[in-house]
Protein backbone atom coordinates (compact mmCIF):
# COMPACT_ATOMS: atom_id res chain seq x y z
CA MET A 1 16.56 -3.62 -3.32
CA ASP A 2 13.74 -1.54 -1.86
CA TYR A 3 14.25 -0.99 1.88
CA SER A 4 11.56 1.66 2.35
CA ALA A 5 8.87 -0.83 3.36
CA ALA A 6 10.93 -1.85 6.39
CA LEU A 7 11.25 1.66 7.77
CA PRO A 8 9.43 2.57 11.01
CA ALA A 9 7.60 5.76 11.89
CA ASP A 10 10.96 7.53 12.17
CA ALA A 11 11.24 7.39 8.40
CA ALA A 12 8.06 9.38 7.83
CA GLU A 13 9.14 11.88 10.46
CA ALA A 14 12.57 12.24 8.85
CA GLU A 15 11.10 12.81 5.41
CA ALA A 16 9.14 15.78 6.77
CA LEU A 17 12.24 17.42 8.23
CA PRO A 18 15.22 19.17 6.59
CA LEU A 19 17.81 16.74 5.27
CA PRO A 20 21.57 17.25 5.47
CA ARG A 21 23.33 17.83 2.16
CA HIS A 22 26.33 15.79 3.22
CA VAL A 23 26.39 12.79 5.55
CA ALA A 24 29.68 11.22 6.64
CA VAL A 25 29.85 7.84 8.36
CA ILE A 26 32.50 6.07 10.42
CA MET A 27 31.47 2.46 9.84
CA ASP A 28 32.62 0.72 13.01
CA GLY A 29 31.86 -2.63 14.60
CA ASN A 30 32.25 -5.32 11.93
CA GLY A 31 34.66 -7.36 14.02
CA ARG A 32 32.58 -7.21 17.19
CA TRP A 33 29.45 -8.08 15.22
CA ALA A 34 31.13 -11.20 13.88
CA LYS A 35 32.63 -12.22 17.23
CA ALA A 36 29.25 -11.99 18.95
CA ARG A 37 27.92 -14.49 16.40
CA GLY A 38 30.85 -16.87 16.43
CA LEU A 39 31.81 -15.81 12.89
CA THR A 40 35.10 -14.71 11.35
CA ARG A 41 36.15 -11.10 10.91
CA SER A 42 35.81 -11.65 7.18
CA ASP A 43 32.14 -12.52 7.71
CA GLY A 44 31.77 -9.26 9.63
CA HIS A 45 33.34 -7.26 6.82
CA LYS A 46 31.04 -8.93 4.28
CA ALA A 47 28.01 -8.02 6.37
CA GLY A 48 29.36 -4.48 6.72
CA THR A 49 29.64 -4.17 2.96
CA GLU A 50 25.99 -5.07 2.53
CA ALA A 51 25.06 -2.52 5.21
CA ALA A 52 27.00 0.12 3.28
CA ARG A 53 25.17 -0.78 0.09
CA ALA A 54 21.82 -0.35 1.83
CA ILE A 55 22.80 3.07 3.19
CA VAL A 56 23.99 4.26 -0.21
CA GLU A 57 20.67 3.12 -1.70
CA GLU A 58 18.67 4.92 0.98
CA CYS A 59 20.62 8.19 0.77
CA LEU A 60 20.12 8.16 -2.98
CA ALA A 61 16.42 7.43 -2.62
CA ILE A 62 15.70 10.25 -0.16
CA GLY A 63 17.87 12.83 -1.93
CA ILE A 64 21.07 13.26 0.09
CA PRO A 65 23.56 14.50 -2.53
CA TYR A 66 26.85 13.74 -0.73
CA LEU A 67 27.74 10.65 1.27
CA THR A 68 31.21 9.88 2.65
CA LEU A 69 32.06 6.45 4.04
CA TYR A 70 35.22 5.91 6.10
CA THR A 71 36.33 2.73 4.39
CA PHE A 72 40.03 2.22 5.22
CA SER A 73 42.29 4.47 7.26
CA ARG A 74 46.06 4.74 7.01
CA GLU A 75 46.20 3.15 10.45
CA ASN A 76 44.36 0.08 9.14
CA TRP A 77 47.53 -1.09 7.39
CA SER A 78 48.65 -2.37 10.81
CA ARG A 79 45.97 -5.08 10.69
CA PRO A 80 47.03 -8.67 9.83
CA PRO A 81 48.12 -8.88 6.15
CA ASP A 82 45.51 -11.55 5.37
CA GLU A 83 42.73 -9.29 6.65
CA VAL A 84 44.02 -6.30 4.65
CA ARG A 85 44.24 -8.45 1.52
CA PHE A 86 40.70 -9.69 2.06
CA LEU A 87 39.39 -6.15 2.51
CA PHE A 88 40.81 -4.97 -0.80
CA ASP A 89 39.73 -8.10 -2.65
CA MET A 90 36.23 -7.52 -1.31
CA LEU A 91 36.38 -3.86 -2.33
CA VAL A 92 37.36 -4.80 -5.89
CA GLU A 93 34.53 -7.33 -6.08
CA PHE A 94 32.02 -4.83 -4.68
CA ILE A 95 32.98 -1.97 -7.00
CA THR A 96 33.03 -4.25 -10.05
CA ARG A 97 29.59 -5.61 -9.19
CA GLU A 98 27.99 -2.27 -8.36
CA LEU A 99 29.58 -0.08 -11.04
CA PRO A 100 26.87 -0.50 -13.71
CA LEU A 101 24.19 0.42 -11.15
CA LEU A 102 26.14 3.42 -9.84
CA GLU A 103 26.58 4.68 -13.37
CA LYS A 104 22.94 4.10 -14.28
CA ARG A 105 21.68 5.92 -11.20
CA GLY A 106 23.93 8.95 -11.55
CA VAL A 107 26.22 8.28 -8.60
CA ARG A 108 29.66 9.83 -8.92
CA LEU A 109 32.37 7.88 -7.13
CA SER A 110 35.22 9.82 -5.55
CA ILE A 111 38.18 8.59 -3.48
CA LEU A 112 39.51 10.51 -0.48
CA GLY A 113 43.04 9.35 0.31
CA GLU A 114 46.36 8.42 -1.25
CA MET A 115 45.40 6.04 -4.04
CA ALA A 116 48.99 5.54 -5.20
CA GLU A 117 49.66 3.40 -2.13
CA LEU A 118 46.74 1.01 -2.72
CA PRO A 119 47.21 -2.48 -4.17
CA PHE A 120 47.49 -2.39 -7.97
CA THR A 121 44.20 -4.14 -8.78
CA ALA A 122 42.24 -2.05 -6.28
CA ARG A 123 43.82 1.15 -7.58
CA LYS A 124 43.04 0.37 -11.22
CA THR A 125 39.50 -0.74 -10.40
CA LEU A 126 38.81 2.45 -8.48
CA GLN A 127 40.33 4.68 -11.15
CA HIS A 128 38.16 2.99 -13.76
CA ALA A 129 35.04 3.37 -11.61
CA CYS A 130 35.74 7.05 -10.90
CA SER A 131 36.19 7.70 -14.62
CA ARG A 132 33.04 5.80 -15.58
CA THR A 133 30.89 7.64 -13.02
CA ALA A 134 32.41 11.13 -13.43
CA ALA A 135 29.25 12.49 -15.05
CA GLY A 136 26.99 11.36 -12.20
CA ASN A 137 24.92 14.26 -10.88
CA ARG A 138 22.46 12.70 -8.42
CA MET A 139 24.88 11.87 -5.64
CA THR A 140 28.60 11.97 -4.91
CA LEU A 141 29.77 8.89 -3.03
CA ASN A 142 33.12 9.48 -1.34
CA LEU A 143 35.09 6.47 -0.16
CA ALA A 144 37.80 7.45 2.32
CA LEU A 145 40.54 4.94 1.50
CA ASN A 146 44.07 5.00 2.87
CA TYR A 147 42.81 8.17 4.51
CA SER A 148 44.14 10.33 7.34
CA GLY A 149 42.65 13.67 8.33
CA ARG A 150 45.98 15.05 9.52
CA GLU A 151 47.72 13.88 6.36
CA GLU A 152 44.99 15.47 4.26
CA ILE A 153 45.52 18.87 5.91
CA THR A 154 49.30 18.56 5.53
CA ARG A 155 48.88 17.61 1.88
CA ALA A 156 46.54 20.55 1.27
CA CYS A 157 49.06 23.00 2.79
CA ARG A 158 51.83 21.52 0.66
CA ARG A 159 49.75 21.78 -2.50
CA TYR A 160 48.87 25.38 -1.70
CA MET A 161 52.54 26.29 -1.31
CA GLU A 162 53.42 24.45 -4.52
CA SER A 163 50.80 26.51 -6.37
CA GLY A 164 52.99 29.59 -5.84
CA ALA A 165 50.33 31.52 -3.95
CA PRO A 166 51.74 33.76 -1.18
CA PRO A 167 51.32 32.46 2.39
CA ALA A 168 49.60 35.71 3.42
CA ARG A 169 46.65 34.86 1.17
CA LEU A 170 46.01 31.48 2.77
CA THR A 171 42.58 31.35 4.41
CA PRO A 172 40.42 28.45 5.59
CA GLU A 173 38.33 28.92 2.46
CA THR A 174 41.27 28.74 0.06
CA LEU A 175 42.80 25.80 1.92
CA ALA A 176 39.52 23.92 1.63
CA ASN A 177 39.90 23.95 -2.15
CA PHE A 178 43.08 21.88 -1.82
CA LEU A 179 41.48 19.14 0.29
CA TYR A 180 40.27 15.88 -1.22
CA THR A 181 36.74 17.26 -0.84
CA GLY A 182 37.49 20.53 -2.64
CA GLY A 183 34.28 21.88 -4.17
CA GLN A 184 32.02 19.79 -1.94
CA PRO A 185 30.02 21.04 1.05
CA ASP A 186 31.33 20.11 4.47
CA PRO A 187 29.47 17.26 6.20
CA ASP A 188 26.38 18.47 8.01
CA LEU A 189 26.04 15.20 9.90
CA LEU A 190 28.79 12.81 11.00
CA ILE A 191 27.64 9.40 12.22
CA ARG A 192 29.72 6.86 14.14
CA THR A 193 28.41 3.41 14.96
CA SER A 194 29.36 0.81 17.63
CA GLY A 195 29.35 3.05 20.69
CA GLU A 196 32.76 4.65 20.23
CA LEU A 197 32.85 8.39 21.00
CA ARG A 198 35.68 9.70 18.82
CA ILE A 199 36.18 10.64 15.18
CA SER A 200 39.48 8.79 14.64
CA ASN A 201 41.31 11.23 12.38
CA PHE A 202 38.34 11.53 10.01
CA LEU A 203 37.56 14.76 8.14
CA LEU A 204 39.21 16.87 10.84
CA PHE A 205 39.06 20.09 8.80
CA GLN A 206 35.65 19.50 7.23
CA ALA A 207 33.87 18.43 10.43
CA ALA A 208 34.52 21.69 12.30
CA TYR A 209 30.79 22.47 12.45
CA SER A 210 29.30 19.05 11.76
CA GLU A 211 26.60 17.65 13.99
CA PHE A 212 27.78 14.36 15.54
CA TYR A 213 25.57 11.34 16.04
CA PHE A 214 26.94 8.39 18.02
CA CYS A 215 25.00 5.16 18.41
CA ASP A 216 25.65 1.74 19.96
CA THR A 217 24.50 -0.13 16.84
CA LEU A 218 27.28 -2.18 15.24
CA TRP A 219 27.79 -1.28 11.60
CA PRO A 220 26.35 -4.47 10.02
CA ASP A 221 23.13 -3.78 11.94
CA PHE A 222 22.96 -0.13 10.85
CA THR A 223 19.95 -0.33 8.57
CA PRO A 224 18.12 2.44 6.69
CA ALA A 225 15.80 2.57 9.70
CA GLU A 226 18.80 3.42 11.89
CA LEU A 227 19.84 6.08 9.38
CA HIS A 228 16.42 7.69 9.67
CA LYS A 229 16.77 7.83 13.45
CA ALA A 230 20.01 9.77 12.96
CA LEU A 231 18.33 12.09 10.47
CA VAL A 232 15.51 12.83 12.90
CA HIS A 233 18.04 13.69 15.63
CA TYR A 234 19.93 15.91 13.20
CA ALA A 235 16.87 17.79 11.99
CA LYS A 236 15.71 18.58 15.52
CA ARG A 237 18.98 20.23 16.50
CA SER A 238 19.47 23.98 16.37
CA ARG A 239 22.64 24.38 14.35
CA ARG A 240 24.88 27.30 15.30
CA PHE A 241 28.02 28.52 13.61
CA GLY A 242 30.02 30.66 16.00
CA GLY A 243 26.90 31.34 18.03
CA VAL A 244 24.64 32.39 15.14
CA LYS A 245 21.63 30.21 14.51
CA GLU A 246 21.53 28.75 11.02
CA ALA A 247 18.97 30.50 8.82
CA GLY A 248 15.94 28.39 8.00
C-alpha cells in the first residue's frame, strides 16, 4: 500500500533533513484505542498490527535501514492467557502473510528476546522467517519478543564470561557485541506512543544516547504522517555525546 499521498507538509520537510539510521518504537495504546471505541482489546491489537505494517512500509520507502518494534515484553506474560494466545496467533498469521513481501523487498527479520520460551508454532514460524530473510540488505526489522532490557544485559555479561575472555578486557564496546543487537547501530531515535513517559525496560544499554520522542497518539493512530513528525523533531535536535556536538 502506498501511504505517501496521505502525508502532510511534515513529510516533505522530513525528507530534506538527516534521517536516523535506527528507529526504535514502543508501540503503546492498543487497549485504550479499543476501549475508546467500544471495541475489544483484540480489535485494538489488530489495528495496532496494521499500524506497524504501515510504519515498516514507510521506513523502508524513505531509507531507514534499522527499525526495532517492541512487540512483546517478558512482563506481558502476566496478561490474561486468552489475550496472550491471541497475540501470538496474530503474530503467526501476520508473519506468514507478510513473509513473501519481506523477502522480496530485502527486509531481514531479526528477533530480540528469548525465543526458546515462545509458543511452539510462533517460534517455528519466526525461525523460518528469519532464515528466509537472512540475505535481506535493504532494512533490518527487529521484533523485540519476550524481551527485557535488564535480562539482555545480564545475558550479554554471561555470554562474555562463557567466551573465556578475561574480565579486565570487558568494555562497553565488547559487551555490545554480545547483545541481541550485536553488529547493529544503536537507535538514534526512540519513539513511544500513547502519552507515557518511560521506556519500560526497552533497549536500556543501546538507548544511552538515543533521542526520545514521546507523543499522545495511541499506537493504532500512529500513521506514517505521525512518523514524519517524529523525524522532523529528531532532525532539528542538536545531538551531543558527552557534550560534543555530533559532526555533520
